[in-house]
Amino acid sequence: MTNYRVSFYKDLLNSDGHSFKCLQRQVDVQSNGLSQAVVLAERLVDNERLNADCIEVVHVSDHHEFEHRSNPSSAPCKHTWSRAS
């Protein structure tokens, strides 16, 4: 099993009319792959009601990875899904 952090974003407009991604929810899940991580996270946050425009999945080895990373080139891998694509 692998640890993933799944983030749900909504595309919004600021007062100047520029779009930005607003984080709605973020959950950590354990799964055998990216697709399963998304499915598990969507169940946990009820994505049908949330109606996120974009979902980002990041592989995380443990909860201390970002605090104690000794090799900056070993950044976590990020995958993004968007309703627009």
PDB file of N, CA and C in Angstrom:
ATOM      1  N   MET A   1       0.837  -1.183   0.000  1.00  0.00           N
ATOM      2  CA  MET A   1       0.000   0.000   0.000  1.00  0.00           C
ATOM      3  C   MET A   1       0.881   1.245   0.000  1.00  0.00           C
ATOM      4  N   THR A   2       0.411   2.266  -0.688  1.00  0.00           N
ATOM      5  CA  THR A   2       1.135   3.517  -0.815  1.00  0.00           C
ATOM      6  C   THR A   2       0.277   4.646  -0.245  1.00  0.00           C
ATOM      7  N   ASN A   3       0.924   5.632   0.347  1.00  0.00           N
ATOM      8  CA  ASN A   3       0.216   6.793   0.893  1.00  0.00           C
ATOM      9  C   ASN A   3       0.090   7.882  -0.174  1.00  0.00           C
ATOM     10  N   TYR A   4      -1.115   8.431  -0.291  1.00  0.00           N
ATOM     11  CA  TYR A   4      -1.387   9.517  -1.231  1.00  0.00           C
ATOM     12  C   TYR A   4      -2.116  10.641  -0.506  1.00  0.00           C
ATOM     13  N   ARG A   5      -1.846  11.875  -0.910  1.00  0.00           N
ATOM     14  CA  ARG A   5      -2.599  13.040  -0.445  1.00  0.00           C
ATOM     15  C   ARG A   5      -3.436  13.516  -1.636  1.00  0.00           C
ATOM     16  N   VAL A   6      -4.748  13.524  -1.473  1.00  0.00           N
ATOM     17  CA  VAL A   6      -5.672  13.887  -2.544  1.00  0.00           C
ATOM     18  C   VAL A   6      -6.303  15.227  -2.189  1.00  0.00           C
ATOM     19  N   SER A   7      -6.171  16.195  -3.103  1.00  0.00           N
ATOM     20  CA  SER A   7      -6.679  17.548  -2.881  1.00  0.00           C
ATOM     21  C   SER A   7      -7.766  17.860  -3.901  1.00  0.00           C
ATOM     22  N   PHE A   8      -8.853  18.434  -3.435  1.00  0.00           N
ATOM     23  CA  PHE A   8     -10.001  18.792  -4.275  1.00  0.00           C
ATOM     24  C   PHE A   8     -10.075  20.316  -4.378  1.00  0.00           C
ATOM     25  N   TYR A   9     -10.092  20.810  -5.616  1.00  0.00           N
ATOM     26  CA  TYR A   9     -10.078  22.255  -5.868  1.00  0.00           C
ATOM     27  C   TYR A   9     -11.307  22.689  -6.666  1.00  0.00           C
ATOM     28  N   LYS A  10     -11.712  23.917  -6.442  1.00  0.00           N
ATOM     29  CA  LYS A  10     -12.762  24.566  -7.227  1.00  0.00           C
ATOM     30  C   LYS A  10     -12.134  25.749  -7.952  1.00  0.00           C
ATOM     31  N   ASP A  11     -12.440  25.918  -9.236  1.00  0.00           N
ATOM     32  CA  ASP A  11     -11.955  27.069 -10.002  1.00  0.00           C
ATOM     33  C   ASP A  11     -12.878  28.254  -9.723  1.00  0.00           C
ATOM     34  N   LEU A  12     -12.298  29.338  -9.222  1.00  0.00           N
ATOM     35  CA  LEU A  12     -13.063  30.534  -8.882  1.00  0.00           C
ATOM     36  C   LEU A  12     -12.445  31.764  -9.539  1.00  0.00           C
ATOM     37  N   LEU A  13     -13.187  32.868  -9.542  1.00  0.00           N
ATOM     38  CA  LEU A  13     -12.680  34.144 -10.052  1.00  0.00           C
ATOM     39  C   LEU A  13     -12.487  35.098  -8.889  1.00  0.00           C
ATOM     40  N   ASN A  14     -11.348  35.818  -8.905  1.00  0.00           N
ATOM     41  CA  ASN A  14     -11.154  36.835  -7.867  1.00  0.00           C
ATOM     42  C   ASN A  14     -11.832  38.130  -8.293  1.00  0.00           C
ATOM     43  N   SER A  15     -11.728  39.171  -7.493  1.00  0.00           N
ATOM     44  CA  SER A  15     -12.420  40.428  -7.780  1.00  0.00           C
ATOM     45  C   SER A  15     -11.920  41.105  -9.054  1.00  0.00           C
ATOM     46  N   ASP A  16     -10.714  40.750  -9.509  1.00  0.00           N
ATOM     47  CA  ASP A  16     -10.175  41.297 -10.762  1.00  0.00           C
ATOM     48  C   ASP A  16     -10.549  40.456 -11.974  1.00  0.00           C
ATOM     49  N   GLY A  17     -11.269  39.369 -11.758  1.00  0.00           N
ATOM     50  CA  GLY A  17     -11.683  38.507 -12.848  1.00  0.00           C
ATOM     51  C   GLY A  17     -10.670  37.433 -13.220  1.00  0.00           C
ATOM     52  N   HIS A  18      -9.616  37.289 -12.437  1.00  0.00           N
ATOM     53  CA  HIS A  18      -8.611  36.258 -12.704  1.00  0.00           C
ATOM     54  C   HIS A  18      -9.011  34.969 -11.989  1.00  0.00           C
ATOM     55  N   SER A  19      -8.843  33.843 -12.685  1.00  0.00           N
ATOM     56  CA  SER A  19      -9.215  32.569 -12.076  1.00  0.00           C
ATOM     57  C   SER A  19      -8.098  32.055 -11.171  1.00  0.00           C
ATOM     58  N   PHE A  20      -8.508  31.301 -10.163  1.00  0.00           N
ATOM     59  CA  PHE A  20      -7.555  30.662  -9.265  1.00  0.00           C
ATOM     60  C   PHE A  20      -8.185  29.388  -8.721  1.00  0.00           C
ATOM     61  N   LYS A  21      -7.335  28.472  -8.265  1.00  0.00           N
ATOM     62  CA  LYS A  21      -7.807  27.224  -7.683  1.00  0.00           C
ATOM     63  C   LYS A  21      -7.959  27.402  -6.175  1.00  0.00           C
ATOM     64  N   CYS A  22      -9.137  27.112  -5.665  1.00  0.00           N
ATOM     65  CA  CYS A  22      -9.422  27.222  -4.239  1.00  0.00           C
ATOM     66  C   CYS A  22      -9.520  25.806  -3.653  1.00  0.00           C
ATOM     67  N   LEU A  23      -8.666  25.506  -2.682  1.00  0.00           N
ATOM     68  CA  LEU A  23      -8.684  24.196  -2.050  1.00  0.00           C
ATOM     69  C   LEU A  23      -9.974  24.023  -1.257  1.00  0.00           C
ATOM     70  N   GLN A  24     -10.728  22.956  -1.592  1.00  0.00           N
ATOM     71  CA  GLN A  24     -11.966  22.675  -0.879  1.00  0.00           C
ATOM     72  C   GLN A  24     -11.752  21.652   0.231  1.00  0.00           C
ATOM     73  N   ARG A  25     -11.089  20.566  -0.098  1.00  0.00           N
ATOM     74  CA  ARG A  25     -10.833  19.496   0.870  1.00  0.00           C
ATOM     75  C   ARG A  25      -9.522  18.827   0.515  1.00  0.00           C
ATOM     76  N   GLN A  26      -8.905  18.192   1.510  1.00  0.00           N
ATOM     77  CA  GLN A  26      -7.670  17.445   1.306  1.00  0.00           C
ATOM     78  C   GLN A  26      -7.694  16.253   2.253  1.00  0.00           C
ATOM     79  N   VAL A  27      -7.448  15.061   1.724  1.00  0.00           N
ATOM     80  CA  VAL A  27      -7.445  13.853   2.546  1.00  0.00           C
ATOM     81  C   VAL A  27      -6.234  13.000   2.198  1.00  0.00           C
ATOM     82  N   ASP A  28      -5.759  12.245   3.184  1.00  0.00           N
ATOM     83  CA  ASP A  28      -4.694  11.277   2.974  1.00  0.00           C
ATOM     84  C   ASP A  28      -5.316   9.889   2.958  1.00  0.00           C
ATOM     85  N   VAL A  29      -4.926   9.089   1.961  1.00  0.00           N
ATOM     86  CA  VAL A  29      -5.448   7.731   1.832  1.00  0.00           C
ATOM     87  C   VAL A  29      -4.307   6.774   1.536  1.00  0.00           C
ATOM     88  N   GLN A  30      -4.536   5.497   1.811  1.00  0.00           N
ATOM     89  CA  GLN A  30      -3.610   4.439   1.432  1.00  0.00           C
ATOM     90  C   GLN A  30      -4.287   3.596   0.375  1.00  0.00           C
ATOM     91  N   SER A  31      -3.570   3.341  -0.722  1.00  0.00           N
ATOM     92  CA  SER A  31      -4.144   2.528  -1.788  1.00  0.00           C
ATOM     93  C   SER A  31      -3.037   1.861  -2.583  1.00  0.00           C
ATOM     94  N   ASN A  32      -3.462   1.011  -3.521  1.00  0.00           N
ATOM     95  CA  ASN A  32      -2.517   0.293  -4.375  1.00  0.00           C
ATOM     96  C   ASN A  32      -2.140   1.081  -5.623  1.00  0.00           C
ATOM     97  N   GLY A  33      -2.767   2.221  -5.864  1.00  0.00           N
ATOM     98  CA  GLY A  33      -2.453   3.019  -7.045  1.00  0.00           C
ATOM     99  C   GLY A  33      -3.206   4.333  -7.054  1.00  0.00           C
ATOM    100  N   LEU A  34      -2.860   5.168  -8.046  1.00  0.00           N
ATOM    101  CA  LEU A  34      -3.456   6.504  -8.156  1.00  0.00           C
ATOM    102  C   LEU A  34      -4.969   6.468  -8.342  1.00  0.00           C
ATOM    103  N   SER A  35      -5.430   5.628  -9.249  1.00  0.00           N
ATOM    104  CA  SER A  35      -6.867   5.576  -9.535  1.00  0.00           C
ATOM    105  C   SER A  35      -7.658   5.170  -8.298  1.00  0.00           C
ATOM    106  N   GLN A  36      -7.157   4.171  -7.578  1.00  0.00           N
ATOM    107  CA  GLN A  36      -7.835   3.734  -6.369  1.00  0.00           C
ATOM    108  C   GLN A  36      -7.797   4.828  -5.306  1.00  0.00           C
ATOM    109  N   ALA A  37      -6.709   5.575  -5.234  1.00  0.00           N
ATOM    110  CA  ALA A  37      -6.603   6.674  -4.275  1.00  0.00           C
ATOM    111  C   ALA A  37      -7.681   7.721  -4.541  1.00  0.00           C
ATOM    112  N   VAL A  38      -7.912   8.049  -5.796  1.00  0.00           N
ATOM    113  CA  VAL A  38      -8.940   9.032  -6.155  1.00  0.00           C
ATOM    114  C   VAL A  38     -10.322   8.521  -5.768  1.00  0.00           C
ATOM    115  N   VAL A  39     -10.600   7.257  -6.070  1.00  0.00           N
ATOM    116  CA  VAL A  39     -11.909   6.681  -5.750  1.00  0.00           C
ATOM    117  C   VAL A  39     -12.143   6.696  -4.241  1.00  0.00           C
ATOM    118  N   LEU A  40     -11.144   6.278  -3.474  1.00  0.00           N
ATOM    119  CA  LEU A  40     -11.281   6.272  -2.014  1.00  0.00           C
ATOM    120  C   LEU A  40     -11.491   7.682  -1.472  1.00  0.00           C
ATOM    121  N   ALA A  41     -10.719   8.625  -1.957  1.00  0.00           N
ATOM    122  CA  ALA A  41     -10.836  10.011  -1.486  1.00  0.00           C
ATOM    123  C   ALA A  41     -12.192  10.601  -1.849  1.00  0.00           C
ATOM    124  N   GLU A  42     -12.683  10.320  -3.062  1.00  0.00           N
ATOM    125  CA  GLU A  42     -13.991  10.839  -3.462  1.00  0.00           C
ATOM    126  C   GLU A  42     -15.089  10.308  -2.560  1.00  0.00           C
ATOM    127  N   ARG A  43     -14.970   9.061  -2.115  1.00  0.00           N
ATOM    128  CA  ARG A  43     -15.956   8.504  -1.177  1.00  0.00           C
ATOM    129  C   ARG A  43     -15.884   9.212   0.171  1.00  0.00           C
ATOM    130  N   LEU A  44     -14.676   9.521   0.620  1.00  0.00           N
ATOM    131  CA  LEU A  44     -14.506  10.151   1.928  1.00  0.00           C
ATOM    132  C   LEU A  44     -15.053  11.576   1.968  1.00  0.00           C
ATOM    133  N   VAL A  45     -14.943  12.312   0.863  1.00  0.00           N
ATOM    134  CA  VAL A  45     -15.356  13.717   0.872  1.00  0.00           C
ATOM    135  C   VAL A  45     -16.683  13.956   0.157  1.00  0.00           C
ATOM    136  N   ASP A  46     -17.326  12.913  -0.342  1.00  0.00           N
ATOM    137  CA  ASP A  46     -18.586  13.055  -1.077  1.00  0.00           C
ATOM    138  C   ASP A  46     -18.410  14.054  -2.224  1.00  0.00           C
ATOM    139  N   ASN A  47     -17.570  13.698  -3.195  1.00  0.00           N
ATOM    140  CA  ASN A  47     -17.233  14.605  -4.293  1.00  0.00           C
ATOM    141  C   ASN A  47     -18.440  14.964  -5.157  1.00  0.00           C
ATOM    142  N   GLU A  48     -19.473  14.141  -5.175  1.00  0.00           N
ATOM    143  CA  GLU A  48     -20.657  14.514  -5.958  1.00  0.00           C
ATOM    144  C   GLU A  48     -21.268  15.793  -5.410  1.00  0.00           C
ATOM    145  N   ARG A  49     -21.316  15.927  -4.096  1.00  0.00           N
ATOM    146  CA  ARG A  49     -21.843  17.153  -3.480  1.00  0.00           C
ATOM    147  C   ARG A  49     -20.826  18.287  -3.569  1.00  0.00           C
ATOM    148  N   LEU A  50     -19.533  17.933  -3.407  1.00  0.00           N
ATOM    149  CA  LEU A  50     -18.460  18.923  -3.451  1.00  0.00           C
ATOM    150  C   LEU A  50     -18.319  19.497  -4.866  1.00  0.00           C
ATOM    151  N   ASN A  51     -18.432  18.632  -5.891  1.00  0.00           N
ATOM    152  CA  ASN A  51     -18.363  19.035  -7.292  1.00  0.00           C
ATOM    153  C   ASN A  51     -17.061  19.768  -7.621  1.00  0.00           C
ATOM    154  N   ALA A  52     -15.930  19.174  -7.239  1.00  0.00           N
ATOM    155  CA  ALA A  52     -14.623  19.779  -7.491  1.00  0.00           C
ATOM    156  C   ALA A  52     -14.348  19.866  -8.990  1.00  0.00           C
ATOM    157  N   ASP A  53     -13.648  20.926  -9.393  1.00  0.00           N
ATOM    158  CA  ASP A  53     -13.250  21.105 -10.786  1.00  0.00           C
ATOM    159  C   ASP A  53     -11.922  20.424 -11.083  1.00  0.00           C
ATOM    160  N   CYS A  54     -11.106  20.228 -10.062  1.00  0.00           N
ATOM    161  CA  CYS A  54      -9.762  19.695 -10.248  1.00  0.00           C
ATOM    162  C   CYS A  54      -9.386  18.842  -9.037  1.00  0.00           C
ATOM    163  N   ILE A  55      -8.750  17.714  -9.289  1.00  0.00           N
ATOM    164  CA  ILE A  55      -8.273  16.841  -8.219  1.00  0.00           C
ATOM    165  C   ILE A  55      -6.787  16.616  -8.425  1.00  0.00           C
ATOM    166  N   GLU A  56      -5.989  16.861  -7.390  1.00  0.00           N
ATOM    167  CA  GLU A  56      -4.553  16.607  -7.443  1.00  0.00           C
ATOM    168  C   GLU A  56      -4.210  15.485  -6.484  1.00  0.00           C
ATOM    169  N   VAL A  57      -3.352  14.562  -6.949  1.00  0.00           N
ATOM    170  CA  VAL A  57      -2.915  13.438  -6.127  1.00  0.00           C
ATOM    171  C   VAL A  57      -1.405  13.480  -6.018  1.00  0.00           C
ATOM    172  N   VAL A  58      -0.904  13.450  -4.787  1.00  0.00           N
ATOM    173  CA  VAL A  58       0.530  13.496  -4.537  1.00  0.00           C
ATOM    174  C   VAL A  58       0.911  12.255  -3.736  1.00  0.00           C
ATOM    175  N   HIS A  59       1.943  11.552  -4.189  1.00  0.00           N
ATOM    176  CA  HIS A  59       2.469  10.418  -3.429  1.00  0.00           C
ATOM    177  C   HIS A  59       3.268  10.952  -2.251  1.00  0.00           C
ATOM    178  N   VAL A  60       2.975  10.489  -1.055  1.00  0.00           N
ATOM    179  CA  VAL A  60       3.732  10.882   0.135  1.00  0.00           C
ATOM    180  C   VAL A  60       4.210   9.617   0.838  1.00  0.00           C
ATOM    181  N   SER A  61       5.485   9.604   1.231  1.00  0.00           N
ATOM    182  CA  SER A  61       6.020   8.402   1.874  1.00  0.00           C
ATOM    183  C   SER A  61       5.624   8.334   3.338  1.00  0.00           C
ATOM    184  N   ASP A  62       5.570   9.465   4.023  1.00  0.00           N
ATOM    185  CA  ASP A  62       5.069   9.527   5.393  1.00  0.00           C
ATOM    186  C   ASP A  62       4.742  10.974   5.727  1.00  0.00           C
ATOM    187  N   HIS A  63       4.183  11.215   6.890  1.00  0.00           N
ATOM    188  CA  HIS A  63       3.743  12.567   7.233  1.00  0.00           C
ATOM    189  C   HIS A  63       4.888  13.512   7.540  1.00  0.00           C
ATOM    190  N   HIS A  64       6.134  13.016   7.630  1.00  0.00           N
ATOM    191  CA  HIS A  64       7.284  13.876   7.902  1.00  0.00           C
ATOM    192  C   HIS A  64       8.099  14.166   6.637  1.00  0.00           C
ATOM    193  N   GLU A  65       7.653  13.706   5.508  1.00  0.00           N
ATOM    194  CA  GLU A  65       8.435  13.826   4.275  1.00  0.00           C
ATOM    195  C   GLU A  65       8.814  15.262   3.963  1.00  0.00           C
ATOM    196  N   PHE A  66       7.890  16.199   4.109  1.00  0.00           N
ATOM    197  CA  PHE A  66       8.158  17.578   3.715  1.00  0.00           C
ATOM    198  C   PHE A  66       9.049  18.295   4.727  1.00  0.00           C
ATOM    199  N   GLU A  67       9.015  17.871   5.988  1.00  0.00           N
ATOM    200  CA  GLU A  67       9.823  18.506   7.020  1.00  0.00           C
ATOM    201  C   GLU A  67      11.272  18.035   6.996  1.00  0.00           C
ATOM    202  N   HIS A  68      11.504  16.771   6.600  1.00  0.00           N
ATOM    203  CA  HIS A  68      12.826  16.170   6.740  1.00  0.00           C
ATOM    204  C   HIS A  68      13.423  15.691   5.420  1.00  0.00           C
ATOM    205  N   ARG A  69      13.015  16.271   4.318  1.00  0.00           N
ATOM    206  CA  ARG A  69      13.530  15.823   3.030  1.00  0.00           C
ATOM    207  C   ARG A  69      14.989  16.227   2.905  1.00  0.00           C
ATOM    208  N   SER A  70      15.886  15.214   2.787  1.00  0.00           N
ATOM    209  CA  SER A  70      17.321  15.498   2.699  1.00  0.00           C
ATOM    210  C   SER A  70      17.758  15.718   1.257  1.00  0.00           C
ATOM    211  N   ASN A  71      17.013  15.171   0.309  1.00  0.00           N
ATOM    212  CA  ASN A  71      17.373  15.296  -1.096  1.00  0.00           C
ATOM    213  C   ASN A  71      16.278  16.084  -1.808  1.00  0.00           C
ATOM    214  N   PRO A  72      16.509  17.360  -2.114  1.00  0.00           N
ATOM    215  CA  PRO A  72      15.451  18.174  -2.720  1.00  0.00           C
ATOM    216  C   PRO A  72      14.995  17.665  -4.080  1.00  0.00           C
ATOM    217  N   SER A  73      15.796  16.850  -4.753  1.00  0.00           N
ATOM    218  CA  SER A  73      15.386  16.339  -6.057  1.00  0.00           C
ATOM    219  C   SER A  73      14.392  15.197  -5.927  1.00  0.00           C
ATOM    220  N   SER A  74      14.125  14.733  -4.695  1.00  0.00           N
ATOM    221  CA  SER A  74      13.189  13.635  -4.514  1.00  0.00           C
ATOM    222  C   SER A  74      11.795  14.155  -4.176  1.00  0.00           C
ATOM    223  N   ALA A  75      11.380  15.217  -4.843  1.00  0.00           N
ATOM    224  CA  ALA A  75      10.066  15.817  -4.611  1.00  0.00           C
ATOM    225  C   ALA A  75       8.972  14.814  -4.948  1.00  0.00           C
ATOM    226  N   PRO A  76       7.844  14.866  -4.233  1.00  0.00           N
ATOM    227  CA  PRO A  76       6.765  13.927  -4.494  1.00  0.00           C
ATOM    228  C   PRO A  76       6.187  14.141  -5.888  1.00  0.00           C
ATOM    229  N   CYS A  77       5.691  13.070  -6.468  1.00  0.00           N
ATOM    230  CA  CYS A  77       5.112  13.117  -7.806  1.00  0.00           C
ATOM    231  C   CYS A  77       3.667  13.571  -7.699  1.00  0.00           C
ATOM    232  N   LYS A  78       3.250  14.535  -8.522  1.00  0.00           N
ATOM    233  CA  LYS A  78       1.909  15.090  -8.472  1.00  0.00           C
ATOM    234  C   LYS A  78       1.176  14.768  -9.762  1.00  0.00           C
ATOM    235  N   HIS A  79      -0.065  14.308  -9.646  1.00  0.00           N
ATOM    236  CA  HIS A  79      -0.922  14.022 -10.792  1.00  0.00           C
ATOM    237  C   HIS A  79      -2.187  14.845 -10.628  1.00  0.00           C
ATOM    238  N   THR A  80      -2.668  15.435 -11.719  1.00  0.00           N
ATOM    239  CA  THR A  80      -3.834  16.298 -11.665  1.00  0.00           C
ATOM    240  C   THR A  80      -4.902  15.828 -12.648  1.00  0.00           C
ATOM    241  N   TRP A  81      -6.155  15.807 -12.190  1.00  0.00           N
ATOM    242  CA  TRP A  81      -7.298  15.526 -13.046  1.00  0.00           C
ATOM    243  C   TRP A  81      -8.181  16.754 -13.033  1.00  0.00           C
ATOM    244  N   SER A  82      -8.716  17.107 -14.182  1.00  0.00           N
ATOM    245  CA  SER A  82      -9.577  18.278 -14.262  1.00  0.00           C
ATOM    246  C   SER A  82     -10.844  17.915 -15.021  1.00  0.00           C
ATOM    247  N   ARG A  83     -11.963  18.488 -14.604  1.00  0.00           N
ATOM    248  CA  ARG A  83     -13.223  18.252 -15.322  1.00  0.00           C
ATOM    249  C   ARG A  83     -13.177  18.846 -16.730  1.00  0.00           C
ATOM    250  N   ALA A  84     -12.355  19.857 -16.918  1.00  0.00           N
ATOM    251  CA  ALA A  84     -12.288  20.537 -18.210  1.00  0.00           C
ATOM    252  C   ALA A  84     -11.591  19.690 -19.259  1.00  0.00           C
ATOM    253  N   SER A  85     -10.742  18.748 -18.829  1.00  0.00           N
ATOM    254  CA  SER A  85      -9.991  17.965 -19.820  1.00  0.00           C
ATOM    255  C   SER A  85     -10.662  16.680 -20.175  1.00  0.00           C
TER     256      SER A  85
END
